[in-house]
Amino acid sequence: MTAGFLRPGIARASRLGRKWTVLFWLLAAGAASAGTWRYLRSPALLLERFEIEGTRRTRTRDVLAALAPYESRNLLLLNLAPIASAVVKVPWVDRVTVSKELPHALKIMITEKTPIAFCRRGASLFWMDSRGAVVAPFDPRESAGDYPIVTAPDERLPEAAALLASLQRGFPEYASTVSEIWALSSGGFGIMDATLRVPIEVLGSDAPEKIRALFSLKPEMDSRGIVPKSIDLRFDRRVVFSGAFAGGKTI
């Protein structure tokens, strides 16, 4: 046989071998994909339990209710973003981190909102956070703690929260004695505390500085027998006492 006679046959055999090789790998890849699909859809990766951490005021049953639609889903294929969005809507939840604990668990790490005061709505009290958002109704069965009560329209709650936060930063000794804060129709807020025991009217921006200056006047007020019914600190460079002196003299 000549070399020219053998070459076409060899070429045909090579092409046939390559076809079988490609077919083999395609079948192998298909079998692997089918096996992977069956594994991903098998009970081996179904979500069976939730590990919830960081709850103090947050009710576990509320968190579980938000998580219920995702139970028995495939954990490996589960999108965590909608789960975090559902949990963060639960009262008291400020931030949430969700992670997978293969093969059957989901870990929920919760950071709660920090209460700063109570908000009065009619005859009911609600917890209010440091941003002035109403968090949840107050349950009389739980401890009230030493939180002041804020009475203000919803749109002014953030301003009231900012006022209280500024007092806590700038005059913490006084802030711990505040029992009530209410919005004034003429602007600013009224404050009642356990030290002076008279309403103090302030603007939010300079309240700590002015109240601290007022306390420096207290020895003189006591020595003169000044017992005002209210004190207005909303003006520049003056303090307005409304009420009475000892002995019936009024101002």
Protein backbone atom coordinates (compact mmCIF):
# COMPACT_ATOMS: atom_id res chain seq x y z
CA MET A 1 0.00 0.00 0.00
CA THR A 2 1.13 3.48 -0.62
CA ALA A 3 1.20 6.32 1.88
CA GLY A 4 -1.34 8.20 -0.24
CA PHE A 5 -3.80 5.30 -0.01
CA LEU A 6 -3.62 5.09 3.83
CA ARG A 7 -4.05 8.77 4.70
CA PRO A 8 -7.83 9.11 4.00
CA GLY A 9 -8.65 6.08 6.15
CA ILE A 10 -6.54 7.30 9.02
CA ALA A 11 -8.22 10.69 8.84
CA ARG A 12 -11.67 9.07 8.91
CA ALA A 13 -10.70 6.98 11.96
CA SER A 14 -9.35 10.05 13.75
CA ARG A 15 -12.54 12.00 13.12
CA LEU A 16 -14.65 9.10 14.39
CA GLY A 17 -12.53 8.86 17.54
CA ARG A 18 -12.93 12.55 18.25
CA LYS A 19 -16.72 12.26 17.87
CA TRP A 20 -16.86 9.43 20.41
CA THR A 21 -14.66 11.43 22.79
CA VAL A 22 -16.91 14.50 22.56
CA LEU A 23 -20.01 12.34 22.99
CA PHE A 24 -18.47 10.68 26.05
CA TRP A 25 -17.74 14.00 27.76
CA LEU A 26 -21.16 15.37 26.91
CA LEU A 27 -22.80 12.32 28.49
CA ALA A 28 -20.52 12.62 31.52
CA ALA A 29 -21.31 16.32 31.94
CA GLY A 30 -25.02 15.61 31.58
CA ALA A 31 -24.88 12.87 34.19
CA ALA A 32 -22.94 15.14 36.56
CA SER A 33 -25.42 17.98 36.05
CA ALA A 34 -28.34 15.64 36.65
CA GLY A 35 -26.71 14.35 39.83
CA THR A 36 -26.04 17.88 41.04
CA TRP A 37 -29.62 18.92 40.29
CA ARG A 38 -31.01 15.92 42.18
CA TYR A 39 -28.74 16.71 45.15
CA LEU A 40 -29.73 20.38 45.22
CA ARG A 41 -33.40 19.40 45.15
CA SER A 42 -33.05 16.63 47.71
CA PRO A 43 -34.08 16.87 51.40
CA ALA A 44 -30.38 16.96 52.30
CA LEU A 45 -30.35 20.78 51.94
CA LEU A 46 -33.83 21.79 53.09
CA LEU A 47 -34.06 24.63 55.64
CA GLU A 48 -35.27 23.07 58.88
CA ARG A 49 -34.38 25.46 61.70
CA PHE A 50 -33.58 29.10 62.50
CA GLU A 51 -30.87 30.16 64.95
CA ILE A 52 -31.90 33.60 66.26
CA GLU A 53 -29.53 35.72 68.34
CA GLY A 54 -29.53 39.27 69.73
CA THR A 55 -33.17 39.49 70.83
CA ARG A 56 -33.95 41.21 74.09
CA ARG A 57 -37.09 43.18 73.43
CA THR A 58 -37.84 41.63 70.04
CA ARG A 59 -40.40 38.86 70.27
CA THR A 60 -39.07 35.59 68.88
CA ARG A 61 -42.50 34.63 67.64
CA ASP A 62 -42.62 37.79 65.50
CA VAL A 63 -39.25 36.93 63.95
CA LEU A 64 -40.36 33.34 63.30
CA ALA A 65 -43.56 34.61 61.65
CA ALA A 66 -41.44 36.73 59.28
CA LEU A 67 -39.25 33.69 58.51
CA ALA A 68 -42.10 31.20 58.06
CA PRO A 69 -42.43 31.60 54.24
CA TYR A 70 -38.82 30.42 53.82
CA GLU A 71 -39.03 27.24 55.88
CA SER A 72 -38.38 24.01 53.92
CA ARG A 73 -36.79 25.95 51.06
CA ASN A 74 -33.51 24.74 49.57
CA LEU A 75 -30.87 26.38 51.74
CA LEU A 76 -28.12 26.42 49.13
CA LEU A 77 -30.32 28.18 46.56
CA LEU A 78 -31.93 30.57 49.05
CA ASN A 79 -31.61 34.32 48.41
CA LEU A 80 -30.84 35.98 51.77
CA ALA A 81 -31.74 39.58 50.83
CA PRO A 82 -35.56 39.12 51.00
CA ILE A 83 -35.17 37.31 54.33
CA ALA A 84 -33.23 40.22 55.86
CA SER A 85 -35.81 42.67 54.48
CA ALA A 86 -38.62 40.68 56.13
CA VAL A 87 -36.92 40.46 59.54
CA VAL A 88 -35.93 44.14 59.67
CA LYS A 89 -39.64 45.04 59.56
CA VAL A 90 -40.24 43.29 62.89
CA PRO A 91 -40.71 45.75 65.81
CA TRP A 92 -37.46 46.52 67.68
CA VAL A 93 -35.23 45.20 64.88
CA ASP A 94 -32.77 47.86 63.69
CA ARG A 95 -30.31 45.78 61.65
CA VAL A 96 -30.08 42.10 60.78
CA THR A 97 -27.38 39.79 59.43
CA VAL A 98 -28.45 36.50 57.84
CA SER A 99 -26.04 33.65 57.12
CA LYS A 100 -26.37 30.02 56.04
CA GLU A 101 -25.39 27.22 58.39
CA LEU A 102 -25.29 24.21 56.09
CA PRO A 103 -26.93 21.82 55.72
CA HIS A 104 -30.20 22.76 57.44
CA ALA A 105 -30.01 26.05 59.42
CA LEU A 106 -30.22 29.79 58.92
CA LYS A 107 -28.49 32.07 61.44
CA ILE A 108 -30.22 35.38 62.21
CA MET A 109 -28.14 38.00 64.07
CA ILE A 110 -30.32 40.92 65.24
CA THR A 111 -29.27 44.38 66.42
CA GLU A 112 -32.14 46.04 68.24
CA LYS A 113 -33.22 49.65 68.29
CA THR A 114 -32.25 51.65 71.38
CA PRO A 115 -35.20 53.14 73.28
CA ILE A 116 -34.75 56.72 74.41
CA ALA A 117 -38.21 57.64 75.73
CA PHE A 118 -41.89 56.85 75.76
CA CYS A 119 -44.22 58.53 73.30
CA ARG A 120 -47.69 59.38 74.58
CA ARG A 121 -50.60 58.81 72.20
CA GLY A 122 -53.87 59.47 73.95
CA ALA A 123 -54.01 57.23 76.99
CA SER A 124 -51.39 54.81 75.61
CA LEU A 125 -47.61 54.77 75.73
CA PHE A 126 -45.27 53.61 72.97
CA TRP A 127 -41.53 53.08 72.94
CA MET A 128 -39.60 55.69 70.93
CA ASP A 129 -36.08 55.21 69.58
CA SER A 130 -33.20 57.67 69.26
CA ARG A 131 -34.39 58.78 65.80
CA GLY A 132 -37.84 59.67 67.08
CA ALA A 133 -39.51 56.65 65.49
CA VAL A 134 -42.33 54.90 67.34
CA VAL A 135 -41.12 51.33 67.87
CA ALA A 136 -43.80 49.32 69.65
CA PRO A 137 -46.58 49.65 72.26
CA PHE A 138 -45.46 49.63 75.87
CA ASP A 139 -46.54 46.52 77.71
CA PRO A 140 -47.43 47.37 81.33
CA ARG A 141 -46.10 43.96 82.35
CA GLU A 142 -42.55 44.96 81.39
CA SER A 143 -40.28 47.26 83.38
CA ALA A 144 -40.72 50.92 82.45
CA GLY A 145 -37.24 51.97 83.57
CA ASP A 146 -36.28 55.64 83.89
CA TYR A 147 -37.48 56.88 80.52
CA PRO A 148 -39.11 60.29 80.05
CA ILE A 149 -42.51 60.65 78.39
CA VAL A 150 -42.67 62.68 75.16
CA THR A 151 -45.90 64.31 74.04
CA ALA A 152 -45.65 65.74 70.52
CA PRO A 153 -47.12 65.37 67.02
CA ASP A 154 -45.48 62.62 64.98
CA GLU A 155 -43.69 65.11 62.76
CA ARG A 156 -41.97 66.65 65.80
CA LEU A 157 -40.88 63.40 67.46
CA PRO A 158 -37.46 63.39 65.71
CA GLU A 159 -36.88 66.92 67.03
CA ALA A 160 -37.84 65.83 70.55
CA ALA A 161 -35.52 62.82 70.31
CA ALA A 162 -32.69 65.10 69.16
CA LEU A 163 -33.32 67.40 72.12
CA LEU A 164 -33.13 64.53 74.59
CA ALA A 165 -30.01 63.15 72.93
CA SER A 166 -28.32 66.57 73.11
CA LEU A 167 -29.11 66.78 76.84
CA GLN A 168 -27.67 63.31 77.38
CA ARG A 169 -24.46 64.35 75.64
CA GLY A 170 -24.12 67.92 76.92
CA PHE A 171 -25.62 67.71 80.43
CA PRO A 172 -26.05 64.02 81.36
CA GLU A 173 -26.58 64.72 85.06
CA TYR A 174 -29.65 66.77 84.21
CA ALA A 175 -30.87 64.48 81.42
CA SER A 176 -31.18 61.60 83.89
CA THR A 177 -33.70 63.65 85.93
CA VAL A 178 -35.99 64.59 82.99
CA SER A 179 -39.44 63.07 83.38
CA GLU A 180 -41.44 64.73 80.58
CA ILE A 181 -40.93 66.59 77.32
CA TRP A 182 -43.77 68.18 75.35
CA ALA A 183 -44.02 70.25 72.19
CA LEU A 184 -44.97 73.91 72.56
CA SER A 185 -47.31 75.47 70.03
CA SER A 186 -45.19 78.65 70.15
CA GLY A 187 -42.04 76.73 69.22
CA GLY A 188 -39.56 74.64 71.14
CA PHE A 189 -40.31 72.21 73.94
CA GLY A 190 -41.26 72.17 77.57
CA ILE A 191 -39.29 70.02 80.00
CA MET A 192 -40.16 68.79 83.48
CA ASP A 193 -37.42 67.41 85.68
CA ALA A 194 -37.03 66.02 89.20
CA THR A 195 -34.56 68.72 90.31
CA LEU A 196 -36.06 72.15 89.60
CA ARG A 197 -39.60 70.71 89.47
CA VAL A 198 -40.89 73.54 87.29
CA PRO A 199 -41.51 73.57 83.51
CA ILE A 200 -38.52 74.79 81.51
CA GLU A 201 -39.14 76.00 77.97
CA VAL A 202 -36.24 75.53 75.56
CA LEU A 203 -35.17 75.38 71.95
CA GLY A 204 -33.37 72.22 70.95
CA SER A 205 -30.13 73.71 69.65
CA ASP A 206 -28.76 75.34 72.81
CA ALA A 207 -30.77 73.63 75.55
CA PRO A 208 -27.85 71.94 77.39
CA GLU A 209 -25.82 75.15 77.58
CA LYS A 210 -28.75 77.27 78.80
CA ILE A 211 -30.00 74.75 81.34
CA ARG A 212 -26.49 74.40 82.75
CA ALA A 213 -26.31 78.22 83.07
CA LEU A 214 -29.72 78.17 84.79
CA PHE A 215 -28.42 75.75 87.39
CA SER A 216 -25.59 78.17 88.16
CA LEU A 217 -28.30 80.70 89.14
CA LYS A 218 -30.11 78.29 91.47
CA PRO A 219 -28.23 79.30 94.68
CA GLU A 220 -29.21 82.94 94.10
CA MET A 221 -32.80 81.94 93.27
CA ASP A 222 -33.01 79.99 96.52
CA SER A 223 -31.49 82.80 98.58
CA ARG A 224 -34.06 85.25 97.23
CA GLY A 225 -36.94 82.86 97.63
CA ILE A 226 -37.71 82.83 93.90
CA VAL A 227 -40.17 80.06 93.14
CA PRO A 228 -41.24 80.47 89.50
CA LYS A 229 -44.07 78.51 87.96
CA SER A 230 -42.17 78.22 84.68
CA ILE A 231 -38.83 79.28 83.21
CA ASP A 232 -38.44 80.31 79.57
CA LEU A 233 -34.94 79.88 78.12
CA ARG A 234 -35.87 80.43 74.48
CA PHE A 235 -34.56 84.00 74.31
CA ASP A 236 -31.02 85.28 73.75
CA ARG A 237 -29.25 86.71 76.81
CA ARG A 238 -32.23 86.59 79.14
CA VAL A 239 -34.21 84.22 81.31
CA VAL A 240 -37.93 84.76 81.75
CA PHE A 241 -39.39 83.66 85.07
CA SER A 242 -43.17 83.35 85.18
CA GLY A 243 -44.78 82.79 88.58
CA ALA A 244 -44.29 84.22 92.03
CA PHE A 245 -41.69 85.36 94.53
CA ALA A 246 -41.97 84.27 98.14
CA GLY A 247 -44.33 86.56 99.95
CA GLY A 248 -46.76 86.87 97.08
CA LYS A 249 -44.75 89.21 94.89
CA THR A 250 -45.14 88.25 91.25
CA ILE A 251 -43.10 88.72 88.11
